[in-house]
Amino acid sequence: MLQHVPKQPPKPQSFQLHNLNPPLVSLSKTASTPFNHSSFEQNYRHICSTLLSITHSRSLSKGLQLHSIIIKSGFQTIPLVANHLINFYSKSQLPLLSRQIFDETPLKSSTTWSSVISAFSQNELPLLALEFFRDMLGNGVRPDDYNYPSATKSCAILSRLDVGRSIHGLVVKTGYESDVFVGSSMTDMYAKCGDTWDARKVFDEMPERNVVSWSGMIYGYAELGENEEALRLFKRALEEGLDINDFIFSSVVQVCGNSTLLQLGKQIHGLCLKVSYDSSSFVGSSLISLYSKCGVIDGAYQVFGEVPLKNLGVWNAMLIGCAQHARTNQVLDLFGQMGSVATKPNFITFLCVLYACSHAGLVKEGQYYFDLMKTYGIEPGAQHYASLVDLLGRAGKLQEALEVIEEMPMEPTESVWGALLTGCRLHKDAEMAAYVADRLFKLDPLSSGLHVLLSNAYAAAGRHEEAAKARKMLRDRRIKKETGFSWVEEGNRVHTFAAGDRFHPKSNEIYMKLDELGDEMEKAVYVADTNFVLQQVDDHVDLLFYNNN
């Protein structure tokens, strides 16, 4: 509940606002006499109305002007005015000024605490949000449906499931578990922390659900690769007549892209067109990824051209699609277009450009863009160095790639050494491959793919004892290479296959067709690439054939 406005304010001065919208906020002009209760009430209401209007319009200069008038008038001591100021600076992305207002507020209501906690949560300061939430409890202020969502959002940002569970317990104790806003925030928190089981439990127990709870649950399934559950829940949302928002559409389109469900993705795209969500940047970036992953790069280009407001996510999605389809010229052209529309690239943007240059053999261009990162205030990370090493390794500049690694400002990661090892394999440099393998062997743990490369690198250099050691380590640690799957969309069904899979009801027909294809490939003098197969391992020829095709 809002605090009662004091009848006797601390002798405020009369004043007048200039050049502020809306014009109705011209305050009392009686400069020679103190405010009576009527003029104070009128000025107080005008202050609040103007502050809300300025917060909505995000006009920082006008807000600062109004803040100075509030200080001169003495209105800053009123809790409601302080709350509005905290929200204004929060929306202006100045949360530390929100904190200053909070600290200077003599009487802090529950709303004041909620405002400052929300300011931190909304501006990516989750640690401060949780710290103030704890301080609020310590000051005997009862949490409510305004500050619980901010606290749980902070837990999601930090992936602090343990803290989130504690807050959930407090929610139950204070009787807010049935509140739709608190329940939605709890669902979202559990989903973003990777606990879809508890997220679904909270979701199912909610007496009432809103679009936030539905979107949080579907997003959680999509992010964790539980694609069938995400699609099943989306279908249920449609059946219940939910007003689907762009976040839900984005998540479901992402599911279709990850599973390469092109036909279903097209149907959802059509639904987006009907409800005019195709213009959303969130939906647009997901649609671009869908068509790119399904091999329809021209469809991705069409979506890209139709998105009216292209944020950085849309640009990056198109860059990734072009890079993956070896359209290097388009990647570089898109990067140039970003500059012309004043869209600042981020670290993902440069990863896309470096990837494109690497696979096209554009060494000079790749080195140029790597150096260009610092111009934009971006310090290259391990992934960027891995891309640069991959670029040089693929071009045969192995010694130069090694020098890049040795000059890195951070410790080289598995991906960096792996990129150089791949270059050694491509150019058959067994000596350097063995050196890289020695360095990699010191890193722990290693992925199964690098264990394979390690063994082959040692074997190629004639160091069979180390090769055997690498294979033994693979067996002793029970490390298995992640199973690769292929899938085919047929009507409303998706058929999934692994190497040597005999569980499909049409396995006999499938393998008969593979045998026919194998005969044709032998006639065409096709030779399977066995570079990634462990040396001295007696695999069946048929399995090797199916793995490589």
Protein backbone atom coordinates (compact mmCIF):
# COMPACT_ATOMS: atom_id res chain seq x y z
CA MET A 1 0.00 0.00 0.00
CA LEU A 2 1.28 3.46 -0.85
CA GLN A 3 2.44 5.68 2.01
CA HIS A 4 0.12 8.49 3.12
CA VAL A 5 1.15 11.89 1.77
CA PRO A 6 2.20 14.13 4.68
CA LYS A 7 -0.06 17.11 5.30
CA GLN A 8 2.85 19.36 6.23
CA PRO A 9 5.70 19.04 3.72
CA PRO A 10 9.12 20.40 4.74
CA LYS A 11 8.62 24.02 3.58
CA PRO A 12 8.90 23.44 -0.16
CA GLN A 13 9.72 26.32 -2.44
CA SER A 14 7.28 27.29 -5.17
CA PHE A 15 8.56 26.55 -8.64
CA GLN A 16 7.55 25.98 -12.23
CA LEU A 17 8.51 23.25 -14.73
CA HIS A 18 9.75 24.41 -18.11
CA ASN A 19 9.81 22.49 -21.39
CA LEU A 20 8.43 19.29 -19.90
CA ASN A 21 5.70 17.06 -21.32
CA PRO A 22 2.82 16.82 -20.71
CA PRO A 23 2.07 20.56 -20.44
CA LEU A 24 -0.47 20.02 -17.65
CA VAL A 25 2.33 19.82 -15.09
CA SER A 26 2.79 23.55 -14.65
CA LEU A 27 2.98 23.86 -10.86
CA SER A 28 1.87 26.54 -8.46
CA LYS A 29 3.13 29.99 -9.35
CA THR A 30 2.55 31.59 -5.94
CA ALA A 31 6.19 32.28 -5.17
CA SER A 32 5.59 34.62 -2.27
CA THR A 33 3.44 32.37 -0.08
CA PRO A 34 4.00 28.84 1.19
CA PHE A 35 1.92 25.99 -0.19
CA ASN A 36 -1.46 25.39 1.29
CA HIS A 37 -2.72 21.81 1.39
CA SER A 38 -4.60 22.21 -1.90
CA SER A 39 -1.62 23.48 -3.91
CA PHE A 40 0.69 20.88 -2.37
CA GLU A 41 -1.69 18.05 -3.31
CA GLN A 42 -1.95 19.41 -6.86
CA ASN A 43 1.82 19.78 -7.29
CA TYR A 44 2.42 16.33 -5.80
CA ARG A 45 0.06 14.72 -8.29
CA HIS A 46 1.60 16.68 -11.18
CA ILE A 47 5.09 15.56 -10.13
CA CYS A 48 4.08 11.89 -10.10
CA SER A 49 2.21 12.15 -13.41
CA THR A 50 5.13 13.86 -15.15
CA LEU A 51 7.67 11.43 -13.75
CA LEU A 52 5.65 8.47 -15.00
CA SER A 53 5.37 10.09 -18.45
CA ILE A 54 9.11 10.78 -18.64
CA THR A 55 9.91 7.22 -17.50
CA HIS A 56 7.71 5.85 -20.26
CA SER A 57 9.36 8.07 -22.90
CA ARG A 58 12.90 7.28 -21.60
CA SER A 59 13.79 10.98 -21.68
CA LEU A 60 16.86 11.16 -19.44
CA SER A 61 17.48 14.91 -19.82
CA LYS A 62 13.92 15.81 -18.82
CA GLY A 63 14.04 13.33 -15.96
CA LEU A 64 17.20 14.89 -14.59
CA GLN A 65 15.60 18.33 -14.83
CA LEU A 66 12.52 17.12 -12.97
CA HIS A 67 14.67 15.38 -10.35
CA SER A 68 16.43 18.67 -9.55
CA ILE A 69 13.05 20.35 -9.10
CA ILE A 70 11.90 17.53 -6.81
CA ILE A 71 14.99 18.01 -4.63
CA LYS A 72 14.45 21.79 -4.43
CA SER A 73 10.81 21.31 -3.50
CA GLY A 74 11.47 18.68 -0.83
CA PHE A 75 9.23 16.08 -2.48
CA GLN A 76 12.03 13.49 -2.52
CA THR A 77 11.14 12.48 1.04
CA ILE A 78 7.75 11.15 -0.07
CA PRO A 79 8.04 7.35 -0.60
CA LEU A 80 5.90 7.27 -3.75
CA VAL A 81 8.01 9.96 -5.45
CA ALA A 82 11.17 8.07 -4.44
CA ASN A 83 9.73 4.87 -5.94
CA HIS A 84 9.01 6.65 -9.21
CA LEU A 85 12.56 8.03 -9.30
CA ILE A 86 14.04 4.58 -8.67
CA ASN A 87 11.97 3.19 -11.57
CA PHE A 88 12.94 6.12 -13.81
CA TYR A 89 16.66 5.52 -13.37
CA SER A 90 16.13 1.79 -13.73
CA LYS A 91 14.38 2.24 -17.09
CA SER A 92 17.17 4.64 -18.08
CA GLN A 93 19.66 1.80 -17.39
CA LEU A 94 21.23 3.66 -14.48
CA PRO A 95 20.58 1.21 -11.62
CA LEU A 96 23.30 2.66 -9.38
CA LEU A 97 21.43 5.97 -9.36
CA SER A 98 18.35 3.98 -8.38
CA ARG A 99 20.37 2.69 -5.46
CA GLN A 100 21.39 6.22 -4.50
CA ILE A 101 17.72 7.31 -4.41
CA PHE A 102 16.94 4.25 -2.30
CA ASP A 103 19.74 5.02 0.16
CA GLU A 104 18.56 8.63 0.51
CA THR A 105 14.92 7.66 1.12
CA PRO A 106 14.25 7.97 4.88
CA LEU A 107 11.07 5.88 4.94
CA LYS A 108 11.37 2.68 2.87
CA SER A 109 8.12 0.88 2.14
CA SER A 110 7.76 -2.60 0.67
CA THR A 111 7.28 -0.92 -2.72
CA THR A 112 10.57 0.96 -2.31
CA TRP A 113 12.42 -2.30 -1.71
CA SER A 114 10.64 -3.93 -4.66
CA SER A 115 11.58 -1.04 -6.94
CA VAL A 116 15.30 -1.14 -6.18
CA ILE A 117 15.47 -4.97 -6.32
CA SER A 118 13.70 -4.86 -9.70
CA ALA A 119 16.13 -2.15 -10.89
CA PHE A 120 19.09 -4.46 -10.22
CA SER A 121 17.39 -7.51 -11.70
CA GLN A 122 16.31 -5.71 -14.87
CA ASN A 123 19.78 -4.24 -15.42
CA GLU A 124 21.83 -7.44 -15.15
CA LEU A 125 22.98 -6.92 -11.55
CA PRO A 126 21.60 -10.15 -10.07
CA LEU A 127 24.04 -10.32 -7.15
CA LEU A 128 22.94 -6.90 -5.90
CA ALA A 129 19.30 -7.86 -6.39
CA LEU A 130 19.69 -10.94 -4.19
CA GLU A 131 21.76 -9.00 -1.64
CA PHE A 132 19.03 -6.37 -1.28
CA PHE A 133 16.35 -9.08 -1.17
CA ARG A 134 18.21 -10.60 1.78
CA ASP A 135 18.57 -7.19 3.43
CA MET A 136 14.85 -6.59 2.96
CA LEU A 137 14.09 -9.81 4.85
CA GLY A 138 16.57 -8.78 7.54
CA ASN A 139 14.72 -5.49 7.96
CA GLY A 140 11.49 -7.36 8.65
CA VAL A 141 9.81 -6.42 5.36
CA ARG A 142 7.54 -9.19 4.13
CA PRO A 143 8.24 -10.27 0.51
CA ASP A 144 5.36 -10.10 -1.94
CA ASP A 145 4.36 -10.76 -5.53
CA TYR A 146 6.38 -7.73 -6.69
CA ASN A 147 9.81 -8.66 -5.36
CA TYR A 148 9.63 -12.47 -5.59
CA PRO A 149 9.78 -12.41 -9.45
CA SER A 150 12.84 -10.13 -9.38
CA ALA A 151 14.63 -12.43 -6.94
CA THR A 152 13.87 -15.58 -8.93
CA LYS A 153 14.92 -13.87 -12.17
CA SER A 154 18.27 -13.07 -10.55
CA CYS A 155 18.67 -16.73 -9.58
CA ALA A 156 18.02 -17.70 -13.21
CA ILE A 157 20.64 -15.24 -14.49
CA LEU A 158 23.21 -16.66 -12.06
CA SER A 159 22.05 -20.27 -12.54
CA ARG A 160 21.80 -20.48 -8.74
CA LEU A 161 19.29 -23.28 -8.43
CA ASP A 162 20.12 -23.68 -4.73
CA VAL A 163 19.16 -20.08 -3.94
CA GLY A 164 16.10 -20.41 -6.14
CA ARG A 165 14.92 -23.44 -4.16
CA SER A 166 15.33 -21.47 -0.92
CA ILE A 167 13.21 -18.64 -2.32
CA HIS A 168 10.65 -21.21 -3.48
CA GLY A 169 10.42 -22.45 0.12
CA LEU A 170 9.84 -18.89 1.29
CA VAL A 171 7.14 -18.48 -1.37
CA VAL A 172 5.30 -21.49 0.04
CA LYS A 173 5.66 -20.28 3.64
CA THR A 174 4.26 -16.85 2.80
CA GLY A 175 1.38 -18.28 0.80
CA TYR A 176 2.29 -16.93 -2.66
CA GLU A 177 2.62 -20.29 -4.45
CA SER A 178 -0.77 -19.84 -6.10
CA ASP A 179 -0.01 -16.32 -7.38
CA VAL A 180 0.19 -16.35 -11.17
CA PHE A 181 3.12 -13.91 -11.36
CA VAL A 182 5.17 -15.65 -8.68
CA GLY A 183 4.36 -19.08 -10.11
CA SER A 184 5.36 -17.98 -13.61
CA SER A 185 8.66 -16.59 -12.34
CA MET A 186 9.36 -19.86 -10.47
CA THR A 187 8.63 -21.90 -13.60
CA ASP A 188 10.94 -19.68 -15.63
CA MET A 189 13.69 -19.88 -12.99
CA TYR A 190 13.67 -23.69 -12.80
CA ALA A 191 13.58 -24.00 -16.59
CA LYS A 192 16.51 -21.63 -17.14
CA CYS A 193 18.50 -23.44 -14.45
CA GLY A 194 18.00 -26.68 -16.38
CA ASP A 195 15.54 -28.31 -13.98
CA THR A 196 12.56 -28.97 -16.24
CA TRP A 197 11.10 -31.55 -13.84
CA ASP A 198 10.56 -29.01 -11.03
CA ALA A 199 9.61 -26.35 -13.56
CA ARG A 200 6.85 -28.60 -14.90
CA LYS A 201 5.73 -29.48 -11.37
CA VAL A 202 5.27 -25.79 -10.51
CA PHE A 203 3.62 -25.21 -13.90
CA ASP A 204 1.12 -28.06 -13.47
CA GLU A 205 0.21 -27.01 -9.92
CA MET A 206 -0.56 -23.41 -10.88
CA PRO A 207 -4.32 -22.75 -10.58
CA GLU A 208 -3.99 -20.08 -13.25
CA ARG A 209 -1.35 -19.67 -15.94
CA ASN A 210 -0.42 -16.69 -18.08
CA VAL A 211 1.64 -16.41 -21.24
CA VAL A 212 4.83 -15.96 -19.19
CA SER A 213 4.45 -19.34 -17.48
CA TRP A 214 3.75 -21.06 -20.82
CA SER A 215 6.67 -19.36 -22.57
CA GLY A 216 9.06 -20.14 -19.70
CA MET A 217 8.15 -23.82 -19.76
CA ILE A 218 8.36 -24.17 -23.55
CA TYR A 219 11.64 -22.23 -23.62
CA GLY A 220 13.10 -24.54 -20.97
CA TYR A 221 12.25 -27.65 -22.97
CA ALA A 222 13.66 -26.09 -26.16
CA GLU A 223 16.94 -25.04 -24.54
CA LEU A 224 17.54 -28.50 -23.06
CA GLY A 225 16.77 -30.28 -26.33
CA GLU A 226 13.53 -31.85 -25.05
CA ASN A 227 11.97 -31.06 -28.40
CA GLU A 228 9.01 -33.41 -28.28
CA GLU A 229 7.87 -32.04 -24.92
CA ALA A 230 8.22 -28.47 -26.21
CA LEU A 231 6.08 -29.23 -29.28
CA ARG A 232 3.54 -31.15 -27.22
CA LEU A 233 3.15 -28.25 -24.79
CA PHE A 234 2.90 -25.78 -27.68
CA LYS A 235 0.08 -27.83 -29.19
CA ARG A 236 -1.69 -27.84 -25.82
CA ALA A 237 -1.31 -24.05 -25.57
CA LEU A 238 -2.99 -23.67 -28.96
CA GLU A 239 -5.80 -26.01 -27.95
CA GLU A 240 -6.43 -23.99 -24.78
CA GLY A 241 -6.66 -20.80 -26.83
CA LEU A 242 -3.60 -19.13 -25.35
CA ASP A 243 -2.65 -15.81 -26.90
CA ILE A 244 0.77 -16.97 -28.14
CA ASN A 245 3.49 -14.33 -27.95
CA ASP A 246 6.66 -13.91 -29.99
CA PHE A 247 8.84 -15.58 -27.34
CA ILE A 248 6.83 -18.81 -27.58
CA PHE A 249 6.89 -18.72 -31.38
CA SER A 250 10.64 -18.13 -31.28
CA SER A 251 11.22 -21.13 -28.99
CA VAL A 252 9.07 -23.47 -31.07
CA VAL A 253 10.69 -22.39 -34.34
CA GLN A 254 14.06 -23.00 -32.65
CA VAL A 255 12.91 -26.57 -31.87
CA CYS A 256 11.99 -27.10 -35.52
CA GLY A 257 15.38 -25.77 -36.59
CA ASN A 258 17.33 -27.98 -34.18
CA SER A 259 15.39 -31.04 -35.37
CA THR A 260 15.38 -29.86 -39.03
CA LEU A 261 11.58 -30.17 -39.12
CA LEU A 262 11.20 -28.00 -42.18
CA GLN A 263 7.55 -28.72 -42.96
CA LEU A 264 6.39 -28.14 -39.39
CA GLY A 265 8.56 -25.02 -39.24
CA LYS A 266 6.85 -23.71 -42.38
CA GLN A 267 3.43 -24.29 -40.81
CA ILE A 268 4.45 -22.34 -37.71
CA HIS A 269 5.90 -19.63 -39.95
CA GLY A 270 2.47 -19.39 -41.59
CA LEU A 271 0.87 -19.05 -38.17
CA CYS A 272 3.32 -16.26 -37.33
CA LEU A 273 2.25 -14.45 -40.50
CA LYS A 274 -1.41 -14.72 -39.54
CA VAL A 275 -0.87 -13.12 -36.15
CA SER A 276 1.72 -10.60 -37.47
CA TYR A 277 4.58 -11.93 -35.34
CA ASP A 278 6.77 -12.48 -38.40
CA SER A 279 8.02 -8.90 -37.94
CA SER A 280 9.36 -9.68 -34.45
CA SER A 281 13.13 -9.76 -34.30
CA PHE A 282 12.99 -12.76 -31.93
CA VAL A 283 10.84 -14.78 -34.33
CA GLY A 284 12.81 -13.50 -37.33
CA SER A 285 16.16 -14.71 -36.00
CA SER A 286 14.67 -18.15 -35.18
CA LEU A 287 13.12 -18.44 -38.66
CA ILE A 288 16.44 -17.53 -40.27
CA SER A 289 18.15 -20.27 -38.25
CA LEU A 290 15.38 -22.75 -39.15
CA TYR A 291 15.74 -22.27 -42.90
CA SER A 292 19.54 -22.19 -42.69
CA LYS A 293 19.75 -25.45 -40.73
CA CYS A 294 17.31 -27.09 -43.14
CA GLY A 295 19.49 -26.09 -46.11
CA VAL A 296 17.07 -23.47 -47.47
CA ILE A 297 19.43 -20.51 -47.30
CA ASP A 298 17.39 -18.50 -49.82
CA GLY A 299 14.38 -18.81 -47.51
CA ALA A 300 16.54 -17.48 -44.68
CA TYR A 301 17.52 -14.51 -46.86
CA GLN A 302 13.86 -13.82 -47.61
CA VAL A 303 12.97 -13.77 -43.91
CA PHE A 304 15.97 -11.56 -43.20
CA GLY A 305 14.82 -9.04 -45.79
CA GLU A 306 11.28 -8.97 -44.38
CA VAL A 307 12.22 -8.25 -40.74
CA PRO A 308 11.63 -4.48 -40.41
CA LEU A 309 13.74 -3.87 -37.29
CA LYS A 310 16.89 -5.99 -37.39
CA ASN A 311 18.55 -6.30 -34.02
CA LEU A 312 21.97 -7.88 -33.52
CA GLY A 313 20.43 -11.33 -33.10
CA VAL A 314 18.88 -11.16 -36.58
CA TRP A 315 22.18 -10.08 -38.17
CA ASN A 316 24.11 -12.82 -36.38
CA ALA A 317 21.58 -15.50 -37.36
CA MET A 318 21.98 -14.53 -41.03
CA LEU A 319 25.77 -14.41 -40.72
CA ILE A 320 25.83 -17.89 -39.16
CA GLY A 321 23.61 -19.26 -41.93
CA CYS A 322 25.77 -17.82 -44.70
CA ALA A 323 28.97 -19.01 -43.02
CA GLN A 324 27.65 -22.56 -42.64
CA HIS A 325 26.63 -22.60 -46.31
CA ALA A 326 30.08 -21.40 -47.44
CA ARG A 327 28.71 -18.09 -48.71
CA THR A 328 31.77 -16.16 -47.64
CA ASN A 329 31.18 -13.14 -49.87
CA GLN A 330 27.70 -12.69 -48.40
CA VAL A 331 29.14 -12.92 -44.88
CA LEU A 332 31.62 -10.13 -45.56
CA ASP A 333 28.95 -8.08 -47.35
CA LEU A 334 26.55 -8.44 -44.42
CA PHE A 335 29.27 -7.37 -42.01
CA GLY A 336 29.77 -4.23 -44.09
CA GLN A 337 26.02 -3.54 -44.11
CA MET A 338 25.95 -3.72 -40.31
CA GLY A 339 28.36 -0.79 -40.18
CA SER A 340 26.22 1.24 -42.58
CA VAL A 341 23.16 0.92 -40.31
CA ALA A 342 25.16 1.55 -37.12
CA THR A 343 24.69 -1.97 -35.71
CA LYS A 344 27.68 -2.74 -33.51
CA PRO A 345 29.01 -6.31 -33.87
CA ASN A 346 29.66 -8.50 -30.84
CA PHE A 347 31.91 -11.49 -30.18
CA ILE A 348 29.47 -13.85 -31.96
CA THR A 349 29.54 -11.67 -35.08
CA PHE A 350 33.31 -11.95 -35.31
CA LEU A 351 33.19 -15.71 -34.73
CA CYS A 352 30.92 -16.00 -37.79
CA VAL A 353 33.25 -13.89 -39.92
CA LEU A 354 36.36 -15.80 -38.80
CA TYR A 355 34.61 -19.13 -39.44
CA ALA A 356 33.71 -18.01 -42.98
CA CYS A 357 37.26 -16.82 -43.69
CA SER A 358 38.71 -20.06 -42.31
CA HIS A 359 36.65 -22.34 -44.52
CA ALA A 360 37.28 -20.17 -47.57
CA GLY A 361 41.04 -19.98 -47.00
CA LEU A 362 41.00 -16.18 -46.69
CA VAL A 363 44.01 -15.82 -44.40
CA LYS A 364 44.67 -12.09 -44.80
CA GLU A 365 41.00 -11.22 -44.43
CA GLY A 366 40.67 -13.42 -41.36
CA GLN A 367 43.67 -11.81 -39.70
CA TYR A 368 42.26 -8.37 -40.54
CA TYR A 369 38.91 -9.10 -38.87
CA PHE A 370 40.66 -10.66 -35.87
CA ASP A 371 42.63 -7.44 -35.35
CA LEU A 372 39.48 -5.37 -36.02
CA MET A 373 37.80 -6.77 -32.88
CA LYS A 374 39.79 -4.49 -30.60
CA THR A 375 38.59 -1.47 -32.58
CA TYR A 376 35.10 -2.32 -31.35
CA GLY A 377 36.31 -2.83 -27.79
CA ILE A 378 36.07 -6.63 -27.95
CA GLU A 379 38.93 -8.64 -26.50
CA PRO A 380 39.40 -11.91 -28.44
CA GLY A 381 38.43 -14.96 -26.40
CA ALA A 382 39.55 -18.58 -26.61
CA GLN A 383 36.95 -19.28 -29.32
CA HIS A 384 38.29 -16.47 -31.50
CA TYR A 385 41.84 -17.75 -31.08
CA ALA A 386 40.66 -21.26 -31.98
CA SER A 387 39.10 -19.85 -35.17
CA LEU A 388 42.31 -17.98 -36.05
CA VAL A 389 44.41 -21.10 -35.42
CA ASP A 390 41.98 -23.12 -37.54
CA LEU A 391 42.28 -20.52 -40.31
CA LEU A 392 46.09 -20.71 -40.31
CA GLY A 393 46.12 -24.50 -39.86
CA ARG A 394 43.82 -25.13 -42.81
CA ALA A 395 46.02 -22.87 -44.94
CA GLY A 396 49.10 -24.89 -43.99
CA LYS A 397 50.66 -22.11 -41.90
CA LEU A 398 51.20 -24.46 -38.96
CA GLN A 399 54.23 -22.72 -37.47
CA GLU A 400 52.45 -19.37 -37.58
CA ALA A 401 49.43 -20.98 -35.90
CA LEU A 402 51.67 -22.34 -33.15
CA GLU A 403 53.13 -18.86 -32.59
CA VAL A 404 49.59 -17.48 -32.18
CA ILE A 405 48.90 -20.08 -29.49
CA GLU A 406 52.13 -19.36 -27.64
CA GLU A 407 51.33 -15.61 -27.60
CA MET A 408 47.77 -16.03 -26.29
CA PRO A 409 47.01 -13.91 -23.19
CA MET A 410 45.14 -16.86 -21.64
CA GLU A 411 45.82 -20.59 -21.34
CA PRO A 412 45.04 -22.39 -24.62
CA THR A 413 41.90 -24.50 -24.37
CA GLU A 414 41.14 -27.91 -25.84
CA SER A 415 39.47 -26.30 -28.85
CA VAL A 416 42.56 -24.20 -29.63
CA TRP A 417 44.98 -27.16 -29.56
CA GLY A 418 42.37 -29.28 -31.35
CA ALA A 419 42.23 -26.74 -34.20
CA LEU A 420 46.01 -26.98 -34.67
CA LEU A 421 45.90 -30.77 -34.45
CA THR A 422 43.29 -30.81 -37.21
CA GLY A 423 45.58 -28.65 -39.36
CA CYS A 424 48.43 -31.10 -38.75
CA ARG A 425 46.19 -33.96 -39.85
CA LEU A 426 45.12 -32.14 -43.01
CA HIS A 427 48.73 -31.38 -44.01
CA LYS A 428 50.18 -34.67 -42.69
CA ASP A 429 52.67 -33.01 -40.33
CA ALA A 430 53.19 -35.94 -37.95
CA GLU A 431 55.99 -34.29 -36.01
CA MET A 432 54.04 -31.19 -35.01
CA ALA A 433 50.94 -33.32 -34.44
CA ALA A 434 52.87 -35.34 -31.86
CA TYR A 435 54.04 -32.11 -30.19
CA VAL A 436 50.47 -30.82 -30.02
CA ALA A 437 49.33 -34.19 -28.71
CA ASP A 438 51.86 -33.92 -25.88
CA ARG A 439 50.41 -30.55 -24.90
CA LEU A 440 46.85 -31.80 -25.18
CA PHE A 441 47.63 -34.84 -23.03
CA LYS A 442 48.26 -32.49 -20.11
CA LEU A 443 44.73 -31.12 -20.32
CA ASP A 444 42.09 -33.04 -18.41
CA PRO A 445 39.46 -34.10 -19.15
CA LEU A 446 39.43 -34.36 -22.95
CA SER A 447 36.48 -35.01 -25.23
CA SER A 448 36.17 -38.36 -26.99
CA GLY A 449 36.87 -36.78 -30.37
CA LEU A 450 40.23 -35.42 -29.23
CA HIS A 451 41.19 -38.81 -27.78
CA VAL A 452 40.73 -40.21 -31.29
CA LEU A 453 42.85 -37.42 -32.81
CA LEU A 454 45.52 -37.92 -30.12
CA SER A 455 45.84 -41.63 -30.81
CA ASN A 456 46.07 -41.09 -34.55
CA ALA A 457 48.62 -38.28 -34.15
CA TYR A 458 50.93 -40.49 -32.07
CA ALA A 459 50.48 -43.45 -34.40
CA ALA A 460 51.26 -41.32 -37.47
CA ALA A 461 54.48 -40.16 -35.78
CA GLY A 462 55.46 -43.77 -35.03
CA ARG A 463 54.96 -43.32 -31.27
CA HIS A 464 52.81 -46.40 -30.83
CA GLU A 465 53.31 -46.59 -27.07
CA GLU A 466 51.68 -43.16 -26.58
CA ALA A 467 48.97 -44.09 -29.09
CA ALA A 468 48.19 -47.20 -27.06
CA LYS A 469 48.16 -45.09 -23.89
CA ALA A 470 45.60 -42.73 -25.42
CA ARG A 471 43.38 -45.66 -26.43
CA LYS A 472 43.73 -47.21 -22.97
CA MET A 473 42.75 -43.93 -21.33
CA LEU A 474 39.68 -43.83 -23.57
CA ARG A 475 38.70 -47.31 -22.40
CA ASP A 476 39.62 -46.87 -18.72
CA ARG A 477 37.59 -43.71 -18.35
CA ARG A 478 34.73 -45.30 -20.26
CA ILE A 479 34.66 -42.33 -22.58
CA LYS A 480 32.45 -42.95 -25.55
CA LYS A 481 32.21 -40.83 -28.63
CA GLU A 482 28.88 -39.07 -28.67
CA THR A 483 26.52 -40.99 -30.91
CA GLY A 484 25.84 -39.30 -34.21
CA PHE A 485 22.25 -39.43 -35.43
CA SER A 486 20.60 -38.90 -38.76
CA TRP A 487 16.91 -38.19 -39.09
CA VAL A 488 14.38 -38.00 -41.88
CA GLU A 489 11.09 -36.12 -41.74
CA GLU A 490 8.23 -38.07 -43.31
CA GLY A 491 4.78 -36.55 -43.01
CA ASN A 492 4.15 -35.91 -39.31
CA ARG A 493 6.85 -38.35 -38.15
CA VAL A 494 10.60 -38.00 -37.67
CA HIS A 495 12.67 -41.17 -38.15
CA THR A 496 15.98 -41.18 -36.24
CA PHE A 497 18.94 -43.44 -37.05
CA ALA A 498 22.35 -44.21 -35.56
CA ALA A 499 25.23 -46.20 -37.09
CA GLY A 500 24.41 -49.92 -37.08
CA ASP A 501 20.84 -49.20 -35.98
CA ARG A 502 18.58 -52.26 -36.41
CA PHE A 503 15.58 -51.09 -34.37
CA HIS A 504 13.63 -49.38 -37.13
CA PRO A 505 10.70 -51.47 -38.41
CA LYS A 506 11.97 -51.04 -41.97
CA SER A 507 15.61 -51.89 -41.19
CA ASN A 508 15.80 -54.70 -43.79
CA GLU A 509 14.64 -52.44 -46.62
CA ILE A 510 16.94 -49.64 -45.45
CA TYR A 511 20.05 -51.83 -45.39
CA MET A 512 19.19 -53.36 -48.76
CA LYS A 513 19.12 -49.85 -50.22
CA LEU A 514 22.42 -49.00 -48.45
CA ASP A 515 24.01 -52.09 -49.99
CA GLU A 516 22.86 -50.92 -53.43
CA LEU A 517 24.34 -47.50 -52.80
CA GLY A 518 27.56 -49.10 -51.55
CA ASP A 519 27.93 -51.05 -54.79
CA GLU A 520 27.44 -47.89 -56.83
CA MET A 521 29.99 -46.02 -54.71
CA GLU A 522 32.56 -48.78 -55.17
CA LYS A 523 32.06 -48.55 -58.92
CA ALA A 524 32.70 -44.82 -58.63
CA VAL A 525 35.99 -45.65 -56.80
CA TYR A 526 34.83 -44.01 -53.57
CA VAL A 527 37.26 -44.40 -50.65
CA ALA A 528 35.94 -43.87 -47.11
CA ASP A 529 37.75 -41.26 -45.02
CA THR A 530 39.13 -43.16 -42.00
CA ASN A 531 41.24 -40.34 -40.57
CA PHE A 532 38.99 -40.04 -37.52
CA VAL A 533 38.91 -43.81 -36.80
CA LEU A 534 41.21 -45.04 -34.02
CA GLN A 535 44.33 -46.74 -35.35
CA GLN A 536 44.75 -50.48 -34.73
CA VAL A 537 41.07 -51.00 -34.00
CA ASP A 538 39.44 -53.93 -35.75
CA ASP A 539 36.15 -52.33 -36.78
CA HIS A 540 33.81 -54.10 -39.15
CA VAL A 541 34.07 -52.77 -42.67
CA ASP A 542 30.30 -52.46 -43.00
CA LEU A 543 30.02 -50.39 -39.82
CA LEU A 544 32.87 -48.17 -41.00
CA PHE A 545 31.06 -47.69 -44.29
CA TYR A 546 27.80 -46.73 -42.61
CA ASN A 547 29.59 -44.39 -40.16
CA ASN A 548 31.25 -42.45 -42.97
CA ASN A 549 28.18 -42.14 -45.10
